[in-house]
Each structure stands twice: as C-alpha cells, then as structure tokens.
C-alpha atoms as a PDB file:
ATOM      1  CA  MET A   1       0.000   0.000   0.000  1.00  0.00           C
ATOM      2  CA  ALA A   2       1.418   3.358  -1.037  1.00  0.00           C
ATOM      3  CA  CYS A   3       1.165   6.281   1.318  1.00  0.00           C
ATOM      4  CA  SER A   4      -0.903   9.328   0.544  1.00  0.00           C
ATOM      5  CA  ARG A   5       0.475  12.808   0.056  1.00  0.00           C
ATOM      6  CA  ALA A   6      -0.929  13.844   3.437  1.00  0.00           C
ATOM      7  CA  GLU A   7       0.851  10.963   5.177  1.00  0.00           C
ATOM      8  CA  ALA A   8       4.139  11.855   3.465  1.00  0.00           C
ATOM      9  CA  LEU A   9       3.799  15.516   4.480  1.00  0.00           C
ATOM     10  CA  SER A  10       2.977  14.485   8.024  1.00  0.00           C
ATOM     11  CA  LEU A  11       6.089  12.310   8.145  1.00  0.00           C
ATOM     12  CA  PHE A  12       8.163  15.176   6.705  1.00  0.00           C
ATOM     13  CA  ARG A  13       6.884  17.615   9.319  1.00  0.00           C
ATOM     14  CA  SER A  14       7.429  15.087  12.114  1.00  0.00           C
ATOM     15  CA  LEU A  15      11.036  14.524  11.048  1.00  0.00           C
ATOM     16  CA  LEU A  16      11.670  18.275  10.910  1.00  0.00           C
ATOM     17  CA  ARG A  17      10.054  18.704  14.312  1.00  0.00           C
ATOM     18  CA  VAL A  18      12.290  16.030  15.831  1.00  0.00           C
ATOM     19  CA  ALA A  19      15.325  17.590  14.130  1.00  0.00           C
ATOM     20  CA  SER A  20      14.537  20.909  15.775  1.00  0.00           C
ATOM     21  CA  THR A  21      14.652  19.328  19.256  1.00  0.00           C
ATOM     22  CA  PHE A  22      18.401  18.635  19.128  1.00  0.00           C
ATOM     23  CA  LYS A  23      20.224  21.164  21.251  1.00  0.00           C
ATOM     24  CA  ASP A  24      23.483  21.042  19.287  1.00  0.00           C
ATOM     25  CA  TYR A  25      23.468  23.248  16.195  1.00  0.00           C
ATOM     26  CA  ASN A  26      25.510  20.816  14.091  1.00  0.00           C
ATOM     27  CA  ILE A  27      23.301  17.812  14.786  1.00  0.00           C
ATOM     28  CA  ARG A  28      20.123  19.878  14.448  1.00  0.00           C
ATOM     29  CA  SER A  29      21.150  21.233  11.052  1.00  0.00           C
ATOM     30  CA  TYR A  30      22.381  17.814   9.865  1.00  0.00           C
ATOM     31  CA  ALA A  31      19.080  16.144  10.771  1.00  0.00           C
ATOM     32  CA  ARG A  32      17.124  18.910   9.057  1.00  0.00           C
ATOM     33  CA  ARG A  33      19.304  18.774   5.945  1.00  0.00           C
ATOM     34  CA  ARG A  34      19.148  14.952   5.815  1.00  0.00           C
ATOM     35  CA  THR A  35      15.349  15.050   6.049  1.00  0.00           C
ATOM     36  CA  ILE A  36      15.006  17.567   3.223  1.00  0.00           C
ATOM     37  CA  ASP A  37      17.528  15.750   1.028  1.00  0.00           C
ATOM     38  CA  GLY A  38      15.860  12.383   1.623  1.00  0.00           C
ATOM     39  CA  PHE A  39      12.462  13.678   0.597  1.00  0.00           C
ATOM     40  CA  ARG A  40      13.855  15.447  -2.469  1.00  0.00           C
ATOM     41  CA  GLU A  41      15.612  12.246  -3.476  1.00  0.00           C
ATOM     42  CA  ASN A  42      12.391  10.250  -3.241  1.00  0.00           C
ATOM     43  CA  GLN A  43       9.951  12.768  -4.727  1.00  0.00           C
ATOM     44  CA  THR A  44      10.267  11.272  -8.214  1.00  0.00           C
ATOM     45  CA  LEU A  45       9.367   7.728  -7.150  1.00  0.00           C
ATOM     46  CA  SER A  46       6.389   6.361  -9.047  1.00  0.00           C
ATOM     47  CA  ASP A  47       6.402   2.634  -8.300  1.00  0.00           C
ATOM     48  CA  PRO A  48       3.970   1.899  -5.422  1.00  0.00           C
ATOM     49  CA  SER A  49       6.306  -0.674  -3.867  1.00  0.00           C
ATOM     50  CA  SER A  50       9.272   1.714  -3.851  1.00  0.00           C
ATOM     51  CA  ILE A  51       7.092   4.500  -2.439  1.00  0.00           C
ATOM     52  CA  SER A  52       5.915   2.175   0.305  1.00  0.00           C
ATOM     53  CA  ALA A  53       9.491   1.093   1.049  1.00  0.00           C
ATOM     54  CA  ALA A  54      10.676   4.717   1.217  1.00  0.00           C
ATOM     55  CA  PHE A  55       7.767   5.634   3.497  1.00  0.00           C
ATOM     56  CA  SER A  56       8.530   2.682   5.797  1.00  0.00           C
ATOM     57  CA  ASP A  57      12.175   3.698   5.889  1.00  0.00           C
ATOM     58  CA  GLY A  58      11.153   7.254   6.778  1.00  0.00           C
ATOM     59  CA  LYS A  59       8.987   6.034   9.628  1.00  0.00           C
ATOM     60  CA  ALA A  60      11.866   3.915  10.920  1.00  0.00           C
ATOM     61  CA  GLN A  61      14.151   6.967  10.707  1.00  0.00           C
ATOM     62  CA  LEU A  62      11.594   8.954  12.703  1.00  0.00           C
ATOM     63  CA  VAL A  63      11.698   6.381  15.501  1.00  0.00           C
ATOM     64  CA  VAL A  64      15.503   6.402  15.508  1.00  0.00           C
ATOM     65  CA  ALA A  65      15.708  10.209  15.437  1.00  0.00           C
ATOM     66  CA  THR A  66      13.206  10.502  18.282  1.00  0.00           C
ATOM     67  CA  ARG A  67      15.213   8.065  20.380  1.00  0.00           C
ATOM     68  CA  GLN A  68      18.478   9.834  19.547  1.00  0.00           C
ATOM     69  CA  ALA A  69      17.004  13.208  20.479  1.00  0.00           C
ATOM     70  CA  LEU A  70      15.991  11.884  23.890  1.00  0.00           C
ATOM     71  CA  VAL A  71      19.365  10.266  24.558  1.00  0.00           C
ATOM     72  CA  TYR A  72      21.306  13.220  23.206  1.00  0.00           C
ATOM     73  CA  ASP A  73      19.324  15.546  25.470  1.00  0.00           C
ATOM     74  CA  ILE A  74      20.787  13.728  28.456  1.00  0.00           C
ATOM     75  CA  TYR A  75      24.385  13.995  27.226  1.00  0.00           C
ATOM     76  CA  ALA A  76      24.278  17.257  25.287  1.00  0.00           C
ATOM     77  CA  PRO A  77      27.224  19.622  25.660  1.00  0.00           C
ATOM     78  CA  THR A  78      26.604  22.723  27.701  1.00  0.00           C
ATOM     79  CA  THR A  79      28.561  25.082  25.443  1.00  0.00           C
ATOM     80  CA  LYS A  80      26.989  26.583  22.373  1.00  0.00           C
ATOM     81  CA  SER A  81      28.306  26.331  18.852  1.00  0.00           C
ATOM     82  CA  VAL A  82      29.928  29.375  17.256  1.00  0.00           C
ATOM     83  CA  MET A  83      27.038  29.428  14.770  1.00  0.00           C
ATOM     84  CA  GLU A  84      24.543  29.693  17.613  1.00  0.00           C
ATOM     85  CA  THR A  85      26.403  32.522  19.288  1.00  0.00           C
ATOM     86  CA  LEU A  86      26.422  34.450  16.001  1.00  0.00           C
ATOM     87  CA  GLY A  87      22.653  34.043  15.743  1.00  0.00           C
ATOM     88  CA  VAL A  88      22.682  32.076  12.485  1.00  0.00           C
END
C-alpha cells in the first residue's frame, strides 16, 4: 500500500520537528538537511512498492531520530556552537 500525500507531508513535518529538538546546532542542522535531502531524493518515485518502502524507511528513521534526540538531550554539551552565538 502506497502512502498518501498527506501521510508523506505528516512524516516530513514530524522529522523536521524532531530535528529541531536537538540542542546542538551541528546535529540539528544535519538532521534537518538529511530530512530535506531524503524527501527530495524520493519525490520522483512512481512505483507503489518503492514508495511504500521509502515511506517505511522514513517512519523507521523517525523512531531512531526521536530516540536519539531523547538520549542526546541527556548527554548534550553545555557550550553553544559558534554558529549559535552568532545568531545564524
């Protein structure tokens, strides 16, 4: 079963939301960039089985990212990145 456009957008927003919870600028921007790049890479898929596989992979990545955000929150560094101090 292929996912609908609404489900894909919901997954996209959820991944971006989780990415924004990382306290470290570098990890936060990497997760955001990886999410955007992954969706751009898969936007041309037309085969229902490959769409379903990509959607399942995205959901698995959401679970992993959520878990990493929680664990990283415990061990996050207390100093800010130079990029954060510059207000970028």
